[in-house]
C-alpha cells in the first residue's frame, strides 16, 4: 500500500517546483521504489530463502545521454532478517539500460554503497576480563552488481516502468575472520517518470 501512495505523494510535492528547461516532457528525477528480498548466500544458491527477508527501498536517478540508456541511480532502503540481523543501506550505481524488444529493456548496474547490519540478538564483547553488552552492529562497504529486466508504458502520471532485478553484493570489513561476505537481493520495483 505504501508503495502505491508514496510515489503519488512525492509527485504532489514535486508539482510545487518550477518545471525545468529540458526538452523532455518528464521531470528530471524519476522515482524508483519497490520491495526487496534479501539473503546472506552465494549467488544463485538457496534463492528461495531470499523471500523470507523482505524490505523496501526508495531512490532516484539521473541520465548521462539523450536516450537515457546510461544513468546513475541512488537508493536508500532497509530489510528485515531475523537470522543475521536487519539492515539499512545507501548505494549509488552506474547503469546501462538498452532497449530489447518494443517496450522491454534490460539493465545492468554496478556501484558502491554502505550497509549497516544490526545484531539479530543481544551481542557481547570481551573487555577487561569480562563480557560486556554491546549495541549496534557492523557497517560494511558494498559493491552492488545488478542484472534486471523491465517494461515501460505510458500512463496518466507519466512513464511507468515496472522491473525485476537480481543483485549480488560483495561486502567488505565484516570482521577479521570473514573480511568479505556475499549478500543477494531480488528487487521488484517501479520507476515513475512524471510529466512536468
C-alpha atoms as a PDB file:
ATOM      1  CA  UNK A   1       0.000   0.000   0.000  1.00  0.00           C
ATOM      2  CA  UNK A   2       2.762   2.441   0.931  1.00  0.00           C
ATOM      3  CA  UNK A   3       4.483   1.696  -2.399  1.00  0.00           C
ATOM      4  CA  UNK A   4       1.381   2.928  -4.215  1.00  0.00           C
ATOM      5  CA  UNK A   5       0.763   6.010  -2.035  1.00  0.00           C
ATOM      6  CA  UNK A   6       4.382   7.195  -1.661  1.00  0.00           C
ATOM      7  CA  UNK A   7       5.022   7.950  -5.374  1.00  0.00           C
ATOM      8  CA  UNK A   8       1.736   9.879  -5.567  1.00  0.00           C
ATOM      9  CA  UNK A   9       2.666  11.996  -2.503  1.00  0.00           C
ATOM     10  CA  UNK A  10       6.111  12.734  -3.923  1.00  0.00           C
ATOM     11  CA  UNK A  11       4.541  13.716  -7.254  1.00  0.00           C
ATOM     12  CA  UNK A  12       2.231  16.183  -5.491  1.00  0.00           C
ATOM     13  CA  UNK A  13       5.136  17.720  -3.544  1.00  0.00           C
ATOM     14  CA  UNK A  14       7.312  17.871  -6.659  1.00  0.00           C
ATOM     15  CA  UNK A  15       4.462  19.517  -8.553  1.00  0.00           C
ATOM     16  CA  UNK A  16       5.058  22.664  -6.492  1.00  0.00           C
ATOM     17  CA  UNK A  17       8.526  23.093  -8.057  1.00  0.00           C
ATOM     18  CA  UNK A  18       9.137  25.112 -11.221  1.00  0.00           C
ATOM     19  CA  UNK A  19       9.490  22.995 -14.387  1.00  0.00           C
ATOM     20  CA  UNK A  20      12.973  22.805 -15.933  1.00  0.00           C
ATOM     21  CA  UNK A  21      14.054  23.891 -19.394  1.00  0.00           C
ATOM     22  CA  UNK A  22      14.741  20.357 -20.663  1.00  0.00           C
ATOM     23  CA  UNK A  23      13.193  19.219 -23.961  1.00  0.00           C
ATOM     24  CA  UNK A  24      11.969  16.063 -22.239  1.00  0.00           C
ATOM     25  CA  UNK A  25       8.287  16.065 -21.204  1.00  0.00           C
ATOM     26  CA  UNK A  26       9.319  14.471 -17.879  1.00  0.00           C
ATOM     27  CA  UNK A  27      10.682  15.899 -14.667  1.00  0.00           C
ATOM     28  CA  UNK A  28      14.401  15.461 -14.054  1.00  0.00           C
ATOM     29  CA  UNK A  29      14.424  12.970 -11.190  1.00  0.00           C
ATOM     30  CA  UNK A  30      12.182   9.894 -11.552  1.00  0.00           C
ATOM     31  CA  UNK A  31      11.042   7.978  -8.500  1.00  0.00           C
ATOM     32  CA  UNK A  32      12.420   4.460  -8.108  1.00  0.00           C
ATOM     33  CA  UNK A  33      10.697   2.395  -5.419  1.00  0.00           C
ATOM     34  CA  UNK A  34       9.709  -1.152  -4.598  1.00  0.00           C
ATOM     35  CA  UNK A  35      10.161  -4.179  -2.403  1.00  0.00           C
ATOM     36  CA  UNK A  36      13.280  -6.271  -1.979  1.00  0.00           C
ATOM     37  CA  UNK A  37      14.058  -9.738  -0.684  1.00  0.00           C
ATOM     38  CA  UNK A  38      17.484 -10.139   0.925  1.00  0.00           C
ATOM     39  CA  UNK A  39      19.654 -13.146   1.774  1.00  0.00           C
ATOM     40  CA  UNK A  40      23.120 -13.967   3.072  1.00  0.00           C
ATOM     41  CA  UNK A  41      24.102 -16.520   0.429  1.00  0.00           C
ATOM     42  CA  UNK A  42      26.334 -17.307  -2.505  1.00  0.00           C
ATOM     43  CA  UNK A  43      24.933 -16.028  -5.824  1.00  0.00           C
ATOM     44  CA  UNK A  44      22.243 -18.228  -7.365  1.00  0.00           C
ATOM     45  CA  UNK A  45      22.223 -20.559  -4.320  1.00  0.00           C
ATOM     46  CA  UNK A  46      19.383 -21.037  -1.830  1.00  0.00           C
ATOM     47  CA  UNK A  47      17.370 -18.458  -3.760  1.00  0.00           C
ATOM     48  CA  UNK A  48      14.087 -19.349  -2.050  1.00  0.00           C
ATOM     49  CA  UNK A  49      15.455 -18.086   1.264  1.00  0.00           C
ATOM     50  CA  UNK A  50      15.544 -14.550  -0.117  1.00  0.00           C
ATOM     51  CA  UNK A  51      11.765 -14.392   0.104  1.00  0.00           C
ATOM     52  CA  UNK A  52      11.774 -14.810   3.900  1.00  0.00           C
ATOM     53  CA  UNK A  53      13.651 -11.496   4.374  1.00  0.00           C
ATOM     54  CA  UNK A  54      11.559  -8.612   2.947  1.00  0.00           C
ATOM     55  CA  UNK A  55      12.446  -4.946   2.687  1.00  0.00           C
ATOM     56  CA  UNK A  56      11.646  -1.690   0.892  1.00  0.00           C
ATOM     57  CA  UNK A  57      13.675   0.938  -0.929  1.00  0.00           C
ATOM     58  CA  UNK A  58      13.303   4.405  -2.478  1.00  0.00           C
ATOM     59  CA  UNK A  59      15.579   6.371  -4.774  1.00  0.00           C
ATOM     60  CA  UNK A  60      16.029   8.316  -7.977  1.00  0.00           C
ATOM     61  CA  UNK A  61      18.350   8.550 -10.964  1.00  0.00           C
ATOM     62  CA  UNK A  62      19.963  10.930 -13.437  1.00  0.00           C
ATOM     63  CA  UNK A  63      20.730  10.332 -17.123  1.00  0.00           C
ATOM     64  CA  UNK A  64      24.015  10.806 -18.973  1.00  0.00           C
ATOM     65  CA  UNK A  65      22.810  10.526 -22.564  1.00  0.00           C
ATOM     66  CA  UNK A  66      19.790  11.592 -24.616  1.00  0.00           C
ATOM     67  CA  UNK A  67      18.448   8.043 -24.986  1.00  0.00           C
ATOM     68  CA  UNK A  68      18.545   7.739 -21.166  1.00  0.00           C
ATOM     69  CA  UNK A  69      20.251   4.361 -21.513  1.00  0.00           C
ATOM     70  CA  UNK A  70      23.288   5.435 -19.452  1.00  0.00           C
ATOM     71  CA  UNK A  71      22.335   6.552 -15.956  1.00  0.00           C
ATOM     72  CA  UNK A  72      23.296   6.805 -12.314  1.00  0.00           C
ATOM     73  CA  UNK A  73      20.947   5.688  -9.575  1.00  0.00           C
ATOM     74  CA  UNK A  74      20.955   6.344  -5.822  1.00  0.00           C
ATOM     75  CA  UNK A  75      18.839   4.219  -3.469  1.00  0.00           C
ATOM     76  CA  UNK A  76      18.116   4.150   0.276  1.00  0.00           C
ATOM     77  CA  UNK A  77      16.451   1.065   1.748  1.00  0.00           C
ATOM     78  CA  UNK A  78      16.163  -1.443   4.525  1.00  0.00           C
ATOM     79  CA  UNK A  79      15.217  -5.057   5.143  1.00  0.00           C
ATOM     80  CA  UNK A  80      14.222  -7.418   7.945  1.00  0.00           C
ATOM     81  CA  UNK A  81      16.347 -10.510   8.583  1.00  0.00           C
ATOM     82  CA  UNK A  82      15.868 -12.192  11.967  1.00  0.00           C
ATOM     83  CA  UNK A  83      18.595 -14.743  11.242  1.00  0.00           C
ATOM     84  CA  UNK A  84      21.605 -12.480  10.690  1.00  0.00           C
ATOM     85  CA  UNK A  85      20.180  -9.062  11.575  1.00  0.00           C
ATOM     86  CA  UNK A  86      18.116  -6.324   9.987  1.00  0.00           C
ATOM     87  CA  UNK A  87      19.901  -3.899   7.709  1.00  0.00           C
ATOM     88  CA  UNK A  88      19.765  -0.458   6.139  1.00  0.00           C
ATOM     89  CA  UNK A  89      21.729   0.579   3.074  1.00  0.00           C
ATOM     90  CA  UNK A  90      22.588   3.501   0.846  1.00  0.00           C
ATOM     91  CA  UNK A  91      24.187   2.937  -2.533  1.00  0.00           C
ATOM     92  CA  UNK A  92      24.831   4.538  -5.891  1.00  0.00           C
ATOM     93  CA  UNK A  93      25.325   2.684  -9.153  1.00  0.00           C
ATOM     94  CA  UNK A  94      26.154   3.479 -12.758  1.00  0.00           C
ATOM     95  CA  UNK A  95      23.887   1.563 -15.124  1.00  0.00           C
ATOM     96  CA  UNK A  96      23.226   0.708 -18.740  1.00  0.00           C
ATOM     97  CA  UNK A  97      19.621   0.142 -19.855  1.00  0.00           C
ATOM     98  CA  UNK A  98      19.351  -0.977 -23.512  1.00  0.00           C
ATOM     99  CA  UNK A  99      16.052  -1.491 -25.313  1.00  0.00           C
ATOM    100  CA  UNK A 100      15.429  -5.174 -26.094  1.00  0.00           C
ATOM    101  CA  UNK A 101      12.099  -5.518 -27.891  1.00  0.00           C
ATOM    102  CA  UNK A 102       9.409  -2.844 -28.208  1.00  0.00           C
ATOM    103  CA  UNK A 103       8.899  -1.582 -24.619  1.00  0.00           C
ATOM    104  CA  UNK A 104      11.051  -4.210 -22.907  1.00  0.00           C
ATOM    105  CA  UNK A 105      14.527  -3.281 -21.704  1.00  0.00           C
ATOM    106  CA  UNK A 106      17.451  -4.934 -19.980  1.00  0.00           C
ATOM    107  CA  UNK A 107      19.543  -3.411 -17.256  1.00  0.00           C
ATOM    108  CA  UNK A 108      22.962  -3.896 -15.716  1.00  0.00           C
ATOM    109  CA  UNK A 109      24.309  -1.747 -12.861  1.00  0.00           C
ATOM    110  CA  UNK A 110      27.394  -1.650 -10.645  1.00  0.00           C
ATOM    111  CA  UNK A 111      28.454   0.750  -7.942  1.00  0.00           C
ATOM    112  CA  UNK A 112      29.380   1.308  -4.333  1.00  0.00           C
ATOM    113  CA  UNK A 113      27.435   1.585  -1.107  1.00  0.00           C
ATOM    114  CA  UNK A 114      27.282   1.357   2.648  1.00  0.00           C
ATOM    115  CA  UNK A 115      25.388  -1.349   4.547  1.00  0.00           C
ATOM    116  CA  UNK A 116      24.638  -1.280   8.277  1.00  0.00           C
ATOM    117  CA  UNK A 117      23.704  -4.714   9.623  1.00  0.00           C
ATOM    118  CA  UNK A 118      22.263  -4.749  13.149  1.00  0.00           C
ATOM    119  CA  UNK A 119      22.782  -7.589  15.609  1.00  0.00           C
ATOM    120  CA  UNK A 120      19.926 -10.139  15.430  1.00  0.00           C
ATOM    121  CA  UNK A 121      20.012 -10.560  19.226  1.00  0.00           C
ATOM    122  CA  UNK A 122      21.843  -9.137  22.224  1.00  0.00           C
ATOM    123  CA  UNK A 123      25.585  -9.121  21.464  1.00  0.00           C
ATOM    124  CA  UNK A 124      28.540  -9.172  23.836  1.00  0.00           C
ATOM    125  CA  UNK A 125      32.240  -8.405  23.568  1.00  0.00           C
ATOM    126  CA  UNK A 126      35.064  -9.392  25.891  1.00  0.00           C
ATOM    127  CA  UNK A 127      36.643  -6.390  27.608  1.00  0.00           C
ATOM    128  CA  UNK A 128      38.818  -6.117  30.736  1.00  0.00           C
ATOM    129  CA  UNK A 129      38.356  -9.771  31.640  1.00  0.00           C
ATOM    130  CA  UNK A 130      34.559  -9.880  31.358  1.00  0.00           C
ATOM    131  CA  UNK A 131      31.782  -9.928  28.775  1.00  0.00           C
ATOM    132  CA  UNK A 132      30.111  -6.559  28.177  1.00  0.00           C
ATOM    133  CA  UNK A 133      26.819  -5.965  26.371  1.00  0.00           C
ATOM    134  CA  UNK A 134      27.282  -4.111  23.105  1.00  0.00           C
ATOM    135  CA  UNK A 135      24.735  -2.375  20.903  1.00  0.00           C
ATOM    136  CA  UNK A 136      24.672  -1.582  17.220  1.00  0.00           C
ATOM    137  CA  UNK A 137      26.039  -3.828  14.532  1.00  0.00           C
ATOM    138  CA  UNK A 138      28.506  -3.751  11.678  1.00  0.00           C
ATOM    139  CA  UNK A 139      28.963  -1.202   8.913  1.00  0.00           C
ATOM    140  CA  UNK A 140      30.254  -2.596   5.640  1.00  0.00           C
ATOM    141  CA  UNK A 141      31.440  -1.215   2.323  1.00  0.00           C
ATOM    142  CA  UNK A 142      29.495  -2.860  -0.519  1.00  0.00           C
ATOM    143  CA  UNK A 143      29.904  -3.240  -4.274  1.00  0.00           C
ATOM    144  CA  UNK A 144      26.364  -3.991  -5.561  1.00  0.00           C
ATOM    145  CA  UNK A 145      26.060  -5.549  -9.029  1.00  0.00           C
ATOM    146  CA  UNK A 146      22.569  -5.847 -10.591  1.00  0.00           C
ATOM    147  CA  UNK A 147      21.010  -7.603 -13.582  1.00  0.00           C
ATOM    148  CA  UNK A 148      17.424  -6.723 -14.457  1.00  0.00           C
ATOM    149  CA  UNK A 149      14.553  -6.691 -16.899  1.00  0.00           C
ATOM    150  CA  UNK A 150      11.715  -4.194 -17.202  1.00  0.00           C
ATOM    151  CA  UNK A 151       8.872  -2.831 -19.288  1.00  0.00           C
ATOM    152  CA  UNK A 152       7.945   0.816 -19.976  1.00  0.00           C
ATOM    153  CA  UNK A 153       4.426   2.109 -20.602  1.00  0.00           C
ATOM    154  CA  UNK A 154       2.735   5.491 -20.791  1.00  0.00           C
ATOM    155  CA  UNK A 155       0.163   6.392 -18.124  1.00  0.00           C
ATOM    156  CA  UNK A 156      -1.664   9.459 -16.888  1.00  0.00           C
ATOM    157  CA  UNK A 157       1.046  10.068 -14.289  1.00  0.00           C
ATOM    158  CA  UNK A 158       3.888   9.793 -16.802  1.00  0.00           C
ATOM    159  CA  UNK A 159       6.030   6.872 -17.908  1.00  0.00           C
ATOM    160  CA  UNK A 160       5.779   3.825 -15.642  1.00  0.00           C
ATOM    161  CA  UNK A 161       8.428   1.125 -15.750  1.00  0.00           C
ATOM    162  CA  UNK A 162       7.869  -1.970 -13.600  1.00  0.00           C
ATOM    163  CA  UNK A 163      11.017  -4.085 -13.301  1.00  0.00           C
ATOM    164  CA  UNK A 164      12.642  -7.033 -11.579  1.00  0.00           C
ATOM    165  CA  UNK A 165      16.344  -7.402 -10.832  1.00  0.00           C
ATOM    166  CA  UNK A 166      18.788  -9.697  -9.091  1.00  0.00           C
ATOM    167  CA  UNK A 167      21.618  -8.165  -7.099  1.00  0.00           C
ATOM    168  CA  UNK A 168      24.899  -9.697  -5.939  1.00  0.00           C
ATOM    169  CA  UNK A 169      26.589  -7.712  -3.165  1.00  0.00           C
ATOM    170  CA  UNK A 170      30.221  -8.389  -2.223  1.00  0.00           C
ATOM    171  CA  UNK A 171      30.620  -6.715   1.194  1.00  0.00           C
ATOM    172  CA  UNK A 172      33.850  -5.833   2.952  1.00  0.00           C
ATOM    173  CA  UNK A 173      35.090  -5.386   6.533  1.00  0.00           C
ATOM    174  CA  UNK A 174      32.604  -7.507   8.484  1.00  0.00           C
ATOM    175  CA  UNK A 175      35.385  -8.876  10.709  1.00  0.00           C
ATOM    176  CA  UNK A 176      38.904 -10.354  10.506  1.00  0.00           C
ATOM    177  CA  UNK A 177      37.552 -13.917  10.249  1.00  0.00           C
ATOM    178  CA  UNK A 178      35.159 -13.020   7.433  1.00  0.00           C
ATOM    179  CA  UNK A 179      36.649  -9.952   5.678  1.00  0.00           C
ATOM    180  CA  UNK A 180      34.480 -10.430   2.564  1.00  0.00           C
ATOM    181  CA  UNK A 181      30.965 -11.855   2.510  1.00  0.00           C
ATOM    182  CA  UNK A 182      28.165 -12.022  -0.036  1.00  0.00           C
ATOM    183  CA  UNK A 183      24.549 -10.935   0.120  1.00  0.00           C
ATOM    184  CA  UNK A 184      21.950 -11.295  -2.611  1.00  0.00           C
ATOM    185  CA  UNK A 185      18.742  -9.367  -3.296  1.00  0.00           C
ATOM    186  CA  UNK A 186      15.710  -9.697  -5.515  1.00  0.00           C
ATOM    187  CA  UNK A 187      14.121  -6.344  -6.344  1.00  0.00           C
ATOM    188  CA  UNK A 188      10.580  -5.866  -7.621  1.00  0.00           C
ATOM    189  CA  UNK A 189      10.071  -2.215  -8.333  1.00  0.00           C
ATOM    190  CA  UNK A 190       8.586   0.648 -10.258  1.00  0.00           C
ATOM    191  CA  UNK A 191      10.250   3.660 -11.855  1.00  0.00           C
ATOM    192  CA  UNK A 192       7.963   6.654 -12.342  1.00  0.00           C
ATOM    193  CA  UNK A 193       8.986   9.404 -14.753  1.00  0.00           C
ATOM    194  CA  UNK A 194       6.489  12.144 -14.029  1.00  0.00           C
ATOM    195  CA  UNK A 195       5.216  14.686 -16.526  1.00  0.00           C
ATOM    196  CA  UNK A 196       6.144  18.335 -15.969  1.00  0.00           C
END
